[in-house]
Amino acid sequence: MTHDAGRVAAKRINDHVELVHANNPDLVLEVPRLDWEAFTMAVKSGAFDLATLERQAEENAA
């Protein structure tokens, strides 16, 4: 697995934060503001995993 250390822009919206990667501006990741601290801690620790994020999103939608 390779890690892309490109630029990411974060934009705070009312109840969430939108993250947009400079190399792929059409893909927007929305993080609820209540989860922002946990999200940044997961990224810093290297535990951030898109598969886990998708599974949690599906569980919350059900």
N, C-alpha and C. Protein backbone atom coordinates (compact mmCIF):
# COMPACT_ATOMS: atom_id res chain seq x y z
N MET A 1 0.84 -1.17 0.00
CA MET A 1 0.00 0.00 0.00
C MET A 1 0.88 1.24 0.00
N THR A 2 0.59 2.17 -0.85
CA THR A 2 1.35 3.41 -0.87
C THR A 2 0.53 4.50 -0.23
N HIS A 3 1.22 5.43 0.40
CA HIS A 3 0.55 6.56 1.03
C HIS A 3 0.80 7.79 0.19
N ASP A 4 -0.27 8.47 -0.17
CA ASP A 4 -0.16 9.69 -0.97
C ASP A 4 -0.16 10.87 -0.02
N ALA A 5 0.95 11.56 0.04
CA ALA A 5 1.09 12.68 0.96
C ALA A 5 0.77 14.00 0.28
N GLY A 6 -0.12 13.98 -0.68
CA GLY A 6 -0.50 15.20 -1.37
C GLY A 6 -1.28 16.13 -0.47
N ARG A 7 -1.67 17.25 -1.03
CA ARG A 7 -2.39 18.25 -0.26
C ARG A 7 -3.87 17.90 -0.13
N VAL A 8 -4.38 18.14 1.06
CA VAL A 8 -5.79 17.94 1.35
C VAL A 8 -6.33 19.23 1.93
N ALA A 9 -7.45 19.69 1.40
CA ALA A 9 -8.09 20.90 1.92
C ALA A 9 -9.27 20.49 2.79
N ALA A 10 -9.38 21.11 3.95
CA ALA A 10 -10.50 20.86 4.85
C ALA A 10 -11.36 22.11 4.89
N LYS A 11 -12.66 21.91 4.74
CA LYS A 11 -13.60 23.02 4.72
C LYS A 11 -14.72 22.72 5.71
N ARG A 12 -14.85 23.55 6.74
CA ARG A 12 -15.88 23.32 7.75
C ARG A 12 -17.23 23.82 7.24
N ILE A 13 -18.20 22.94 7.26
CA ILE A 13 -19.58 23.25 6.91
C ILE A 13 -20.38 23.09 8.22
N ASN A 14 -21.58 23.54 8.26
CA ASN A 14 -22.37 23.56 9.50
C ASN A 14 -22.14 22.37 10.41
N ASP A 15 -22.46 21.17 9.98
CA ASP A 15 -22.39 20.01 10.86
C ASP A 15 -21.34 18.99 10.46
N HIS A 16 -20.51 19.32 9.47
CA HIS A 16 -19.47 18.38 9.04
C HIS A 16 -18.27 19.14 8.46
N VAL A 17 -17.22 18.39 8.23
CA VAL A 17 -16.01 18.91 7.59
C VAL A 17 -15.84 18.17 6.28
N GLU A 18 -15.61 18.91 5.21
CA GLU A 18 -15.37 18.30 3.90
C GLU A 18 -13.88 18.29 3.63
N LEU A 19 -13.36 17.12 3.26
CA LEU A 19 -11.96 16.98 2.90
C LEU A 19 -11.88 16.71 1.41
N VAL A 20 -11.04 17.49 0.72
CA VAL A 20 -10.88 17.34 -0.72
C VAL A 20 -9.39 17.21 -1.01
N HIS A 21 -9.01 16.15 -1.70
CA HIS A 21 -7.61 15.93 -2.07
C HIS A 21 -7.30 16.71 -3.35
N ALA A 22 -6.17 17.38 -3.38
CA ALA A 22 -5.80 18.21 -4.53
C ALA A 22 -5.71 17.41 -5.82
N ASN A 23 -5.31 16.14 -5.75
CA ASN A 23 -5.17 15.32 -6.95
C ASN A 23 -6.49 14.75 -7.43
N ASN A 24 -7.52 14.80 -6.60
CA ASN A 24 -8.82 14.25 -6.97
C ASN A 24 -9.94 15.13 -6.38
N PRO A 25 -10.12 16.34 -6.92
CA PRO A 25 -11.07 17.27 -6.33
C PRO A 25 -12.54 16.87 -6.45
N ASP A 26 -12.84 15.87 -7.29
CA ASP A 26 -14.23 15.42 -7.43
C ASP A 26 -14.65 14.48 -6.30
N LEU A 27 -13.69 13.98 -5.55
CA LEU A 27 -13.97 13.06 -4.45
C LEU A 27 -13.93 13.85 -3.14
N VAL A 28 -15.05 13.90 -2.44
CA VAL A 28 -15.16 14.66 -1.20
C VAL A 28 -15.50 13.70 -0.06
N LEU A 29 -14.71 13.75 0.99
CA LEU A 29 -14.97 12.95 2.18
C LEU A 29 -15.60 13.86 3.22
N GLU A 30 -16.79 13.51 3.69
CA GLU A 30 -17.49 14.30 4.69
C GLU A 30 -17.33 13.62 6.05
N VAL A 31 -16.82 14.37 7.02
CA VAL A 31 -16.63 13.87 8.37
C VAL A 31 -17.52 14.69 9.30
N PRO A 32 -18.44 14.05 10.02
CA PRO A 32 -19.27 14.81 10.97
C PRO A 32 -18.38 15.53 11.98
N ARG A 33 -18.75 16.75 12.33
CA ARG A 33 -17.93 17.54 13.26
C ARG A 33 -17.79 16.84 14.60
N LEU A 34 -18.81 16.10 15.02
CA LEU A 34 -18.72 15.37 16.29
C LEU A 34 -17.65 14.28 16.24
N ASP A 35 -17.33 13.78 15.05
CA ASP A 35 -16.33 12.72 14.88
C ASP A 35 -14.96 13.25 14.47
N TRP A 36 -14.82 14.57 14.34
CA TRP A 36 -13.59 15.15 13.80
C TRP A 36 -12.37 14.78 14.64
N GLU A 37 -12.46 14.89 15.96
CA GLU A 37 -11.31 14.58 16.82
C GLU A 37 -10.89 13.12 16.68
N ALA A 38 -11.86 12.21 16.70
CA ALA A 38 -11.54 10.78 16.54
C ALA A 38 -10.95 10.51 15.17
N PHE A 39 -11.46 11.19 14.15
CA PHE A 39 -10.94 11.03 12.79
C PHE A 39 -9.49 11.47 12.70
N THR A 40 -9.18 12.65 13.23
CA THR A 40 -7.80 13.14 13.14
C THR A 40 -6.84 12.26 13.95
N MET A 41 -7.31 11.75 15.09
CA MET A 41 -6.46 10.85 15.88
C MET A 41 -6.19 9.56 15.11
N ALA A 42 -7.19 9.04 14.41
CA ALA A 42 -7.01 7.82 13.62
C ALA A 42 -6.04 8.05 12.48
N VAL A 43 -6.12 9.20 11.84
CA VAL A 43 -5.21 9.52 10.74
C VAL A 43 -3.78 9.63 11.27
N LYS A 44 -3.60 10.33 12.37
CA LYS A 44 -2.26 10.52 12.94
C LYS A 44 -1.64 9.20 13.39
N SER A 45 -2.46 8.29 13.90
CA SER A 45 -1.92 7.03 14.41
C SER A 45 -1.70 6.00 13.29
N GLY A 46 -2.22 6.31 12.10
CA GLY A 46 -2.08 5.37 10.99
C GLY A 46 -3.19 4.33 10.96
N ALA A 47 -4.18 4.48 11.83
CA ALA A 47 -5.26 3.51 11.92
C ALA A 47 -6.41 3.81 10.97
N PHE A 48 -6.34 4.90 10.26
CA PHE A 48 -7.43 5.27 9.34
C PHE A 48 -7.51 4.25 8.22
N ASP A 49 -8.69 3.71 8.02
CA ASP A 49 -8.90 2.66 7.04
C ASP A 49 -10.22 2.93 6.32
N LEU A 50 -10.17 3.15 5.01
CA LEU A 50 -11.39 3.46 4.27
C LEU A 50 -12.41 2.34 4.33
N ALA A 51 -11.97 1.10 4.35
CA ALA A 51 -12.91 -0.02 4.42
C ALA A 51 -13.70 0.02 5.72
N THR A 52 -13.03 0.32 6.82
CA THR A 52 -13.70 0.45 8.11
C THR A 52 -14.67 1.62 8.09
N LEU A 53 -14.26 2.72 7.51
CA LEU A 53 -15.11 3.90 7.42
C LEU A 53 -16.37 3.61 6.62
N GLU A 54 -16.23 2.92 5.51
CA GLU A 54 -17.39 2.57 4.69
C GLU A 54 -18.34 1.64 5.45
N ARG A 55 -17.79 0.68 6.17
CA ARG A 55 -18.62 -0.27 6.91
C ARG A 55 -19.39 0.46 8.02
N GLN A 56 -18.74 1.37 8.72
CA GLN A 56 -19.41 2.13 9.77
C GLN A 56 -20.50 3.01 9.18
N ALA A 57 -20.26 3.60 8.02
CA ALA A 57 -21.27 4.43 7.37
C ALA A 57 -22.50 3.60 7.01
N GLU A 58 -22.29 2.38 6.52
CA GLU A 58 -23.40 1.49 6.19
C GLU A 58 -24.18 1.09 7.43
N GLU A 59 -23.46 0.83 8.53
CA GLU A 59 -24.13 0.45 9.77
C GLU A 59 -24.97 1.60 10.31
N ASN A 60 -24.47 2.81 10.22
CA ASN A 60 -25.19 3.97 10.71
C ASN A 60 -26.39 4.30 9.84
N ALA A 61 -26.33 3.97 8.56
CA ALA A 61 -27.43 4.25 7.65
C ALA A 61 -28.59 3.27 7.86
N ALA A 62 -28.28 2.10 8.37
CA ALA A 62 -29.31 1.06 8.54
C ALA A 62 -30.21 1.33 9.72
